[in-house]
């Protein structure tokens, strides 16, 4: 029985590979003239030299010419060729054949996310505004679509269906229309281009545009993508959907923060699961023991966690209680800059952004060394981890983690004398964080004094956070 099942799986895999070979060959056949096929095959790495094939052979059968040169390729090599072909020649059938073999590799928008997004688009009417819908459907369709004219009698089946069930009647939902046009099997490049098109200010502006961006980000963030503002057109934002390659890989497992005293001492209760047990000074810090949502840790999430933890019935009281506890941690730093950032963040932005406001988490332990610096010095051991705590951390969707540091004199001087070694240690740690995917933003202590240009420190901090929110499509609460 086992050998039969194994044989069926192998045959299924072979059929998928055979289908991919056929679709690569067919795509090249449809887009390339026979005398250019050898050169195109060389460009895609299918053949090494011109003498490996010539135009006469390609004239006989373009499809056979290509397939002959694909047979010896491994699955990985074949997928690489298919990706390259799709870059030059869009073909939904080729894209679908690739998805059959590898439905979700790192960097891909999964089929689950595609389906979730397409279903969510049912609630946006009209989806294409007042423009020619065919201009946008052509982004995802392999078949060239155009607006019917009275003299245009011969329609394809797809053209007939769109005209009959979506334009003349409302038999098709937005979801049904887009699936019929191939949105679930088109290339990722076409899929993302289509979403960017829906966010174009030609189709929607103002609150409707922001609402769609926020809705898309709810799903895109699960695969590490985000609709962000990249430009402006006539004063309106232009969105680009980007992979958060700066996002941190992996999940948040230990969020230890709001320290008000000595560093906590800890043991690994379960080293396999990375479960940390704080054995000393546990009362001097907080431990967020839930999984942050994929869309990022919001202030309301933090409040709800605190309300449950402290058994506080009233939500308003819970907000005030957790706010006071976090501010206690900030106040104990005795840093005017950190205190101003924390106060300004909630005073200026909490009401405006409401349920969308990210949690601003103070005094977060980034590294936990079982030994303190003093203990290592006594043991004459080198300090392994330089930066133990971050001043502030925000956890956004798509693995985006934003570190905010306020640099006092202790960051770059010793006894009032500039210290190149301290500065070097700081920038080394910044580089390490950025390479891990964190975004690091530093404020100089001098910035928190009144500016000669009339911009107050509070305005400066507000503008900074507004820019962060704009970049990551965090919108004011409705």
Protein backbone atom coordinates (compact mmCIF):
# COMPACT_ATOMS: atom_id res chain seq x y z
CA UNK A 1 0.00 0.00 0.00
CA UNK A 2 2.78 2.43 0.92
CA UNK A 3 4.54 1.92 -2.41
CA UNK A 4 1.26 2.57 -4.26
CA UNK A 5 0.70 5.83 -2.38
CA UNK A 6 4.32 6.87 -2.97
CA UNK A 7 3.90 6.10 -6.66
CA UNK A 8 0.73 8.21 -6.84
CA UNK A 9 2.48 11.13 -5.16
CA UNK A 10 5.44 10.80 -7.54
CA UNK A 11 3.14 10.67 -10.56
CA UNK A 12 1.27 13.72 -9.30
CA UNK A 13 4.54 15.61 -8.86
CA UNK A 14 5.74 14.54 -12.31
CA UNK A 15 2.45 15.70 -13.86
CA UNK A 16 2.85 19.12 -12.21
CA UNK A 17 6.40 19.43 -13.54
CA UNK A 18 5.27 18.31 -16.99
CA UNK A 19 2.48 20.90 -16.89
CA UNK A 20 4.99 23.60 -15.92
CA UNK A 21 7.27 22.62 -18.81
CA UNK A 22 4.35 22.84 -21.22
CA UNK A 23 3.24 26.25 -19.95
CA UNK A 24 6.78 27.68 -20.19
CA UNK A 25 7.01 26.43 -23.77
CA UNK A 26 3.54 27.71 -24.64
CA UNK A 27 4.24 31.15 -23.15
CA UNK A 28 7.41 31.53 -25.21
CA UNK A 29 5.59 30.24 -28.28
CA UNK A 30 2.84 32.84 -27.88
CA UNK A 31 5.16 35.81 -27.35
CA UNK A 32 8.31 35.08 -29.37
CA UNK A 33 8.88 34.80 -33.13
CA UNK A 34 10.50 31.57 -34.27
CA UNK A 35 13.80 33.14 -35.38
CA UNK A 36 14.16 34.76 -31.92
CA UNK A 37 13.47 31.59 -29.89
CA UNK A 38 17.14 30.40 -29.68
CA UNK A 39 18.29 33.79 -28.41
CA UNK A 40 15.41 33.94 -25.88
CA UNK A 41 16.26 30.43 -24.65
CA UNK A 42 19.83 31.56 -24.09
CA UNK A 43 18.59 34.59 -22.17
CA UNK A 44 16.53 32.41 -19.86
CA UNK A 45 19.40 29.96 -19.38
CA UNK A 46 17.66 27.12 -21.17
CA UNK A 47 20.54 26.64 -23.62
CA UNK A 48 24.17 27.65 -23.37
CA UNK A 49 25.18 28.45 -26.92
CA UNK A 50 23.57 29.29 -30.23
CA UNK A 51 24.89 26.06 -31.73
CA UNK A 52 22.76 24.12 -29.22
CA UNK A 53 19.85 25.01 -31.47
CA UNK A 54 19.04 27.19 -34.45
CA UNK A 55 16.18 29.08 -36.00
CA UNK A 56 15.38 26.27 -38.47
CA UNK A 57 14.67 23.88 -35.60
CA UNK A 58 12.57 26.53 -33.86
CA UNK A 59 10.60 27.18 -37.08
CA UNK A 60 9.62 23.53 -37.14
CA UNK A 61 7.97 23.78 -33.70
CA UNK A 62 8.65 26.54 -31.20
CA UNK A 63 6.96 24.62 -28.39
CA UNK A 64 8.93 21.41 -29.00
CA UNK A 65 12.15 23.39 -29.27
CA UNK A 66 11.66 24.87 -25.80
CA UNK A 67 10.38 21.70 -24.11
CA UNK A 68 13.36 19.73 -25.40
CA UNK A 69 15.64 22.07 -23.47
CA UNK A 70 13.58 21.95 -20.28
CA UNK A 71 13.57 18.18 -19.79
CA UNK A 72 16.97 17.98 -18.08
CA UNK A 73 16.28 20.79 -15.60
CA UNK A 74 15.60 20.13 -11.92
CA UNK A 75 12.40 21.37 -10.32
CA UNK A 76 14.23 24.29 -8.70
CA UNK A 77 15.86 25.23 -12.01
CA UNK A 78 12.53 24.92 -13.78
CA UNK A 79 10.84 27.21 -11.26
CA UNK A 80 13.64 29.73 -11.77
CA UNK A 81 13.12 29.70 -15.52
CA UNK A 82 9.35 30.03 -15.08
CA UNK A 83 9.83 33.08 -12.82
CA UNK A 84 12.11 34.71 -15.39
CA UNK A 85 9.67 34.01 -18.22
CA UNK A 86 6.83 35.54 -16.20
CA UNK A 87 8.88 38.67 -15.65
CA UNK A 88 8.90 39.24 -19.42
CA UNK A 89 5.68 37.58 -20.56
CA UNK A 90 2.66 37.55 -18.24
CA UNK A 91 0.63 34.39 -18.51
CA UNK A 92 -1.93 33.30 -15.93
CA UNK A 93 -1.71 29.65 -16.95
CA UNK A 94 2.04 29.62 -16.34
CA UNK A 95 1.52 31.36 -13.00
CA UNK A 96 -1.11 28.75 -12.05
CA UNK A 97 1.27 25.91 -12.98
CA UNK A 98 3.90 27.40 -10.69
CA UNK A 99 1.39 27.69 -7.85
CA UNK A 100 0.55 24.00 -8.22
CA UNK A 101 4.16 23.10 -7.48
CA UNK A 102 4.94 25.65 -4.82
CA UNK A 103 1.85 27.41 -3.49
CA UNK A 104 3.69 29.56 -0.94
CA UNK A 105 7.39 30.18 -0.67
CA UNK A 106 9.00 32.99 1.36
CA UNK A 107 8.22 36.33 -0.26
CA UNK A 108 4.97 35.14 -1.83
CA UNK A 109 1.46 36.35 -1.16
CA UNK A 110 -0.30 33.13 -0.18
CA UNK A 111 -3.47 31.89 -1.86
CA UNK A 112 -5.21 32.33 1.51
CA UNK A 113 -4.31 36.01 1.59
CA UNK A 114 -5.38 36.45 -2.03
CA UNK A 115 -8.78 34.92 -1.31
CA UNK A 116 -9.24 37.00 1.84
CA UNK A 117 -8.44 40.21 -0.02
CA UNK A 118 -10.69 39.39 -2.97
CA UNK A 119 -13.58 38.62 -0.60
CA UNK A 120 -12.99 41.89 1.29
CA UNK A 121 -13.27 43.81 -2.02
CA UNK A 122 -16.96 42.88 -2.13
CA UNK A 123 -17.56 45.71 0.34
CA UNK A 124 -16.09 48.44 -1.86
CA UNK A 125 -18.61 49.89 -4.29
CA UNK A 126 -18.10 50.92 -6.97
CA UNK A 127 -14.81 49.04 -7.11
CA UNK A 128 -13.56 50.88 -10.21
CA UNK A 129 -15.20 54.26 -9.70
CA UNK A 130 -16.29 55.80 -12.97
CA UNK A 131 -13.29 54.75 -15.08
CA UNK A 132 -13.06 52.05 -17.74
CA UNK A 133 -12.98 48.83 -15.73
CA UNK A 134 -11.22 47.02 -18.56
CA UNK A 135 -8.08 49.10 -18.03
CA UNK A 136 -7.79 47.59 -14.57
CA UNK A 137 -9.03 44.08 -15.37
CA UNK A 138 -6.34 43.85 -18.06
CA UNK A 139 -3.75 43.98 -15.29
CA UNK A 140 -4.78 40.52 -14.06
CA UNK A 141 -6.30 39.01 -17.20
CA UNK A 142 -4.28 37.00 -19.70
CA UNK A 143 -6.86 37.88 -22.32
CA UNK A 144 -6.89 41.41 -23.73
CA UNK A 145 -10.14 43.08 -22.75
CA UNK A 146 -11.64 46.25 -24.22
CA UNK A 147 -14.80 48.29 -23.93
CA UNK A 148 -17.47 46.85 -26.28
CA UNK A 149 -18.60 49.05 -29.16
CA UNK A 150 -21.76 48.77 -31.29
CA UNK A 151 -19.69 47.52 -34.25
CA UNK A 152 -17.84 44.95 -32.15
CA UNK A 153 -19.94 41.81 -32.54
CA UNK A 154 -17.55 38.96 -31.79
CA UNK A 155 -16.90 38.68 -28.06
CA UNK A 156 -14.82 36.16 -26.19
CA UNK A 157 -16.60 34.15 -23.49
CA UNK A 158 -14.84 36.20 -20.82
CA UNK A 159 -15.85 39.48 -22.47
CA UNK A 160 -19.45 38.29 -22.74
CA UNK A 161 -19.57 37.25 -19.09
CA UNK A 162 -18.19 40.57 -17.85
CA UNK A 163 -20.61 42.58 -19.97
CA UNK A 164 -23.62 40.39 -19.18
CA UNK A 165 -23.12 39.66 -15.49
CA UNK A 166 -21.26 42.72 -14.17
CA UNK A 167 -21.99 45.70 -16.41
CA UNK A 168 -25.54 45.09 -17.66
CA UNK A 169 -26.64 43.15 -14.58
CA UNK A 170 -25.31 42.68 -11.07
CA UNK A 171 -25.13 38.88 -11.13
CA UNK A 172 -21.38 39.00 -10.37
CA UNK A 173 -20.03 40.24 -7.08
CA UNK A 174 -16.65 41.95 -7.19
CA UNK A 175 -15.18 38.67 -5.96
CA UNK A 176 -16.81 36.62 -8.73
CA UNK A 177 -15.67 39.09 -11.40
CA UNK A 178 -12.06 39.11 -10.26
CA UNK A 179 -11.85 35.33 -9.93
CA UNK A 180 -13.34 34.99 -13.41
CA UNK A 181 -10.57 37.29 -14.70
CA UNK A 182 -7.84 35.20 -13.07
CA UNK A 183 -6.85 37.11 -9.95
CA UNK A 184 -6.21 33.92 -7.98
CA UNK A 185 -3.77 32.51 -10.53
CA UNK A 186 -2.11 35.59 -12.01
CA UNK A 187 1.51 36.35 -11.19
CA UNK A 188 2.28 38.06 -7.91
CA UNK A 189 3.55 41.11 -9.79
CA UNK A 190 0.19 41.44 -11.55
CA UNK A 191 -1.72 40.85 -8.32
CA UNK A 192 0.16 43.60 -6.46
CA UNK A 193 -0.07 45.97 -9.45
CA UNK A 194 -3.83 45.47 -9.47
CA UNK A 195 -4.12 46.35 -5.78
CA UNK A 196 -1.96 49.44 -6.30
CA UNK A 197 -4.30 50.40 -9.14
CA UNK A 198 -7.32 50.16 -6.83
CA UNK A 199 -5.56 52.57 -4.44
CA UNK A 200 -4.83 55.11 -7.18
CA UNK A 201 -6.46 58.50 -6.48
CA UNK A 202 -8.01 58.33 -9.94
CA UNK A 203 -10.30 55.62 -8.48
CA UNK A 204 -10.68 56.73 -4.87
CA UNK A 205 -9.48 59.49 -2.61
CA UNK A 206 -9.65 60.70 0.96
CA UNK A 207 -11.21 58.44 3.57
CA UNK A 208 -12.21 55.83 0.98
CA UNK A 209 -8.59 55.47 -0.15
CA UNK A 210 -7.32 55.24 3.44
CA UNK A 211 -10.05 52.73 4.31
CA UNK A 212 -9.06 50.44 1.42
CA UNK A 213 -5.34 50.69 2.30
CA UNK A 214 -6.08 49.78 5.92
CA UNK A 215 -8.29 46.86 4.84
CA UNK A 216 -5.63 45.49 2.48
CA UNK A 217 -2.95 45.80 5.16
CA UNK A 218 -4.99 43.64 7.53
CA UNK A 219 -4.34 40.71 5.19
CA UNK A 220 -1.08 41.70 3.49
CA UNK A 221 0.70 41.99 6.85
CA UNK A 222 0.30 38.23 7.37
CA UNK A 223 2.71 37.68 4.47
CA UNK A 224 5.05 40.54 5.34
CA UNK A 225 3.65 43.11 2.91
CA UNK A 226 2.23 46.58 3.44
CA UNK A 227 0.55 49.29 1.36
CA UNK A 228 2.61 52.41 2.02
CA UNK A 229 2.53 55.95 0.67
CA UNK A 230 5.44 56.43 -1.73
CA UNK A 231 4.52 59.65 -3.55
CA UNK A 232 1.84 62.24 -4.20
CA UNK A 233 -0.16 63.20 -7.28
CA UNK A 234 -1.98 66.55 -7.24
CA UNK A 235 -1.84 66.47 -3.46
CA UNK A 236 -3.22 62.92 -3.17
CA UNK A 237 -1.17 59.98 -1.85
CA UNK A 238 0.15 57.34 -4.22
CA UNK A 239 0.44 53.89 -2.65
CA UNK A 240 2.97 51.17 -3.27
CA UNK A 241 2.67 47.64 -1.93
CA UNK A 242 6.04 46.59 -0.60
CA UNK A 243 7.57 43.63 1.07
CA UNK A 244 8.70 44.62 4.55
CA UNK A 245 12.18 43.28 3.93
CA UNK A 246 13.19 45.35 6.94
CA UNK A 247 10.72 43.44 9.06
CA UNK A 248 12.04 41.13 11.75
CA UNK A 249 11.64 37.44 11.00
CA UNK A 250 10.13 35.25 13.71
CA UNK A 251 7.51 35.85 16.36
CA UNK A 252 7.59 37.85 19.57
CA UNK A 253 8.12 35.35 22.39
CA UNK A 254 9.33 37.38 25.37
CA UNK A 255 8.22 40.99 25.72
CA UNK A 256 9.73 42.17 29.02
CA UNK A 257 9.27 45.90 29.50
CA UNK A 258 8.45 48.90 31.72
CA UNK A 259 11.38 48.26 34.05
CA UNK A 260 11.43 50.37 37.22
CA UNK A 261 14.47 48.88 38.89
CA UNK A 262 17.25 46.34 38.71
CA UNK A 263 17.51 43.97 35.78
CA UNK A 264 15.38 40.85 36.27
CA UNK A 265 17.16 37.59 36.96
CA UNK A 266 15.78 34.69 35.00
CA UNK A 267 16.03 31.05 34.02
CA UNK A 268 14.86 29.22 30.92
CA UNK A 269 11.91 27.26 32.26
CA UNK A 270 11.62 25.44 28.93
CA UNK A 271 14.66 25.95 26.71
CA UNK A 272 12.97 24.23 23.77
CA UNK A 273 10.01 26.61 23.80
CA UNK A 274 12.14 29.56 24.95
CA UNK A 275 9.94 30.05 28.03
CA UNK A 276 11.56 32.51 30.42
CA UNK A 277 10.86 32.48 34.17
CA UNK A 278 11.87 35.62 36.06
CA UNK A 279 13.18 34.54 39.46
CA UNK A 280 14.17 37.93 40.91
CA UNK A 281 12.98 41.52 40.43
CA UNK A 282 9.86 40.26 38.66
CA UNK A 283 7.91 43.04 40.39
CA UNK A 284 10.16 45.63 38.72
CA UNK A 285 9.04 44.87 35.17
CA UNK A 286 6.06 43.71 33.13
CA UNK A 287 5.85 40.65 30.88
CA UNK A 288 3.35 40.68 28.03
CA UNK A 289 2.35 37.02 27.90
CA UNK A 290 0.11 36.99 24.82
CA UNK A 291 0.90 36.67 21.12
CA UNK A 292 0.79 40.13 19.49
CA UNK A 293 -1.73 40.24 16.61
CA UNK A 294 -0.32 39.95 13.05
CA UNK A 295 -1.42 43.54 12.39
CA UNK A 296 0.77 44.75 15.25
CA UNK A 297 0.35 45.47 18.95
CA UNK A 298 -2.11 48.33 19.39
CA UNK A 299 -2.56 50.46 22.51
CA UNK A 300 -6.04 48.96 22.92
CA UNK A 301 -4.49 45.46 22.90
CA UNK A 302 -2.18 46.51 25.72
CA UNK A 303 -5.07 47.98 27.68
CA UNK A 304 -7.17 44.82 27.25
CA UNK A 305 -4.25 42.67 28.41
CA UNK A 306 -3.76 44.89 31.48
CA UNK A 307 -7.48 44.88 32.26
CA UNK A 308 -7.48 41.08 32.36
CA UNK A 309 -4.20 40.86 34.25
CA UNK A 310 -5.23 43.30 36.96
CA UNK A 311 -8.91 42.27 37.04
CA UNK A 312 -10.07 45.83 36.34
CA UNK A 313 -13.73 45.92 35.38
CA UNK A 314 -13.88 49.48 34.03
CA UNK A 315 -12.11 50.08 30.70
CA UNK A 316 -11.43 53.77 31.40
CA UNK A 317 -9.86 52.85 34.72
CA UNK A 318 -7.74 50.19 32.99
CA UNK A 319 -6.43 52.76 30.47
CA UNK A 320 -5.50 55.13 33.26
CA UNK A 321 -3.90 52.37 35.34
CA UNK A 322 -1.64 50.96 32.60
CA UNK A 323 -0.77 54.50 31.49
CA UNK A 324 0.38 55.40 34.99
CA UNK A 325 2.38 52.19 35.30
CA UNK A 326 4.20 52.77 32.02
CA UNK A 327 4.83 56.41 32.82
CA UNK A 328 6.39 55.36 36.13
CA UNK A 329 8.96 53.40 34.13
CA UNK A 330 9.65 56.35 31.82
CA UNK A 331 9.84 58.84 34.69
CA UNK A 332 12.44 56.76 36.50
CA UNK A 333 14.84 57.15 33.58
CA UNK A 334 15.04 60.86 34.49
CA UNK A 335 15.39 61.56 30.79
CA UNK A 336 13.53 64.74 29.76
CA UNK A 337 13.45 63.50 26.19
CA UNK A 338 11.87 60.13 27.00
CA UNK A 339 9.32 61.77 29.29
CA UNK A 340 8.38 64.30 26.60
CA UNK A 341 8.06 61.63 23.91
CA UNK A 342 5.80 59.49 26.09
CA UNK A 343 3.56 62.36 27.18
CA UNK A 344 3.33 63.88 23.71
CA UNK A 345 2.51 60.55 22.08
CA UNK A 346 -0.64 60.04 24.11
CA UNK A 347 -1.61 63.68 24.50
CA UNK A 348 -1.40 64.48 20.79
CA UNK A 349 -2.19 61.15 19.09
CA UNK A 350 -4.35 58.91 21.28
CA UNK A 351 -7.67 60.61 20.56
CA UNK A 352 -6.95 61.04 16.85
CA UNK A 353 -5.87 57.45 16.13
CA UNK A 354 -8.01 55.70 18.74
CA UNK A 355 -8.16 51.93 18.23
CA UNK A 356 -5.48 52.15 15.49
CA UNK A 357 -2.85 53.69 17.76
CA UNK A 358 0.20 51.39 18.11
CA UNK A 359 1.36 50.66 21.63
CA UNK A 360 4.42 52.72 22.59
CA UNK A 361 6.28 50.28 24.83
CA UNK A 362 8.91 51.79 27.15
CA UNK A 363 12.08 50.25 28.58
CA UNK A 364 12.00 46.99 26.63
CA UNK A 365 14.63 44.35 27.31
CA UNK A 366 16.25 43.49 24.01
CA UNK A 367 18.99 41.27 25.46
CA UNK A 368 18.97 39.26 28.65
CA UNK A 369 22.42 38.28 29.90
CA UNK A 370 22.23 36.13 33.06
CA UNK A 371 25.17 38.16 34.40
CA UNK A 372 25.34 41.91 34.92
CA UNK A 373 28.18 44.07 33.56
CA UNK A 374 29.62 44.34 37.08
CA UNK A 375 29.56 40.57 37.54
CA UNK A 376 31.38 40.05 34.25
CA UNK A 377 33.98 42.65 35.22
CA UNK A 378 34.62 40.90 38.54
CA UNK A 379 34.98 37.58 36.70
CA UNK A 380 37.20 39.34 34.14
CA UNK A 381 34.91 38.15 31.39
CA UNK A 382 34.08 40.26 28.32
CA UNK A 383 30.72 41.99 28.07
CA UNK A 384 28.78 39.99 25.48
CA UNK A 385 25.66 42.12 25.09
CA UNK A 386 26.18 45.87 25.05
CA UNK A 387 22.65 47.23 24.79
CA UNK A 388 20.33 45.60 27.30
CA UNK A 389 17.24 47.81 26.99
CA UNK A 390 15.54 49.92 24.35
CA UNK A 391 13.98 53.25 25.31
CA UNK A 392 10.84 52.59 23.28
CA UNK A 393 9.58 49.86 20.95
CA UNK A 394 6.60 49.72 18.59
CA UNK A 395 5.44 46.43 17.06
CA UNK A 396 3.68 47.04 13.73
CA UNK A 397 2.25 44.59 11.22
CA UNK A 398 4.41 42.55 8.87
CA UNK A 399 7.21 42.08 11.41
CA UNK A 400 8.02 45.80 11.51
CA UNK A 401 9.69 46.68 14.81
CA UNK A 402 10.58 50.29 15.45
CA UNK A 403 13.16 51.17 18.09
CA UNK A 404 13.27 54.73 19.41
CA UNK A 405 16.31 55.87 21.39
CA UNK A 406 16.97 59.17 23.15
CA UNK A 407 20.68 59.93 23.33
CA UNK A 408 21.85 61.68 26.46
CA UNK A 409 25.48 62.58 27.11
CA UNK A 410 26.11 59.09 28.52
CA UNK A 411 25.77 57.71 25.00
CA UNK A 412 28.73 59.56 23.56
CA UNK A 413 30.84 60.98 26.42
CA UNK A 414 32.56 60.03 29.67
CA UNK A 415 32.86 62.64 32.43
CA UNK A 416 31.87 65.32 29.94
CA UNK A 417 34.60 64.33 27.46
CA UNK A 418 33.60 62.99 24.02
CA UNK A 419 34.23 59.24 23.86
CA UNK A 420 34.81 57.74 20.39
CA UNK A 421 34.68 54.24 21.92
CA UNK A 422 31.20 54.82 23.39
CA UNK A 423 29.96 56.24 20.12
CA UNK A 424 31.45 53.31 18.20
CA UNK A 425 29.78 50.80 20.52
CA UNK A 426 26.45 52.54 19.93
CA UNK A 427 26.62 52.51 16.14
CA UNK A 428 27.82 48.88 16.14
CA UNK A 429 24.72 47.88 18.08
CA UNK A 430 22.55 49.92 15.70
CA UNK A 431 24.00 48.08 12.73
CA UNK A 432 23.29 44.73 14.36
CA UNK A 433 19.69 45.73 15.01
CA UNK A 434 19.15 46.95 11.46
CA UNK A 435 20.61 43.77 10.03
CA UNK A 436 18.11 41.84 12.13
CA UNK A 437 15.33 43.90 10.55
CA UNK A 438 14.64 46.54 13.20
CA UNK A 439 14.19 50.19 12.30
CA UNK A 440 16.19 52.40 14.64
CA UNK A 441 15.43 56.09 15.16
CA UNK A 442 17.53 58.27 17.46
CA UNK A 443 16.74 61.60 19.06
CA UNK A 444 19.53 63.81 20.34
CA UNK A 445 18.98 65.28 23.78
CA UNK A 446 19.44 68.80 22.38
CA UNK A 447 16.28 68.36 20.27
CA UNK A 448 14.13 68.62 23.36
CA UNK A 449 15.05 72.23 23.99
CA UNK A 450 13.01 75.02 22.34
CA UNK A 451 14.11 75.44 18.71
CA UNK A 452 15.18 78.81 17.24
CA UNK A 453 12.87 78.18 14.27
CA UNK A 454 9.83 78.18 16.53
CA UNK A 455 9.07 74.45 16.32
CA UNK A 456 8.40 73.13 19.81
CA UNK A 457 9.77 69.72 20.93
CA UNK A 458 6.16 68.52 21.16
CA UNK A 459 5.53 69.49 17.52
CA UNK A 460 8.77 67.80 16.47
CA UNK A 461 7.78 64.53 18.20
CA UNK A 462 4.25 64.69 16.78
CA UNK A 463 5.56 65.19 13.23
CA UNK A 464 7.88 62.20 13.66
CA UNK A 465 5.10 59.81 14.68
CA UNK A 466 2.73 61.15 12.03
CA UNK A 467 5.40 60.38 9.43
CA UNK A 468 5.79 56.84 10.78
CA UNK A 469 2.03 56.33 10.67
CA UNK A 470 1.82 57.68 7.13
CA UNK A 471 4.60 55.37 5.98
CA UNK A 472 2.87 52.28 7.36
CA UNK A 473 -0.72 53.31 6.51
CA UNK A 474 -1.83 53.68 10.14
CA UNK A 475 -4.95 55.78 9.77
CA UNK A 476 -6.92 57.92 12.22
CA UNK A 477 -9.78 56.08 13.87
CA UNK A 478 -13.14 56.54 12.22
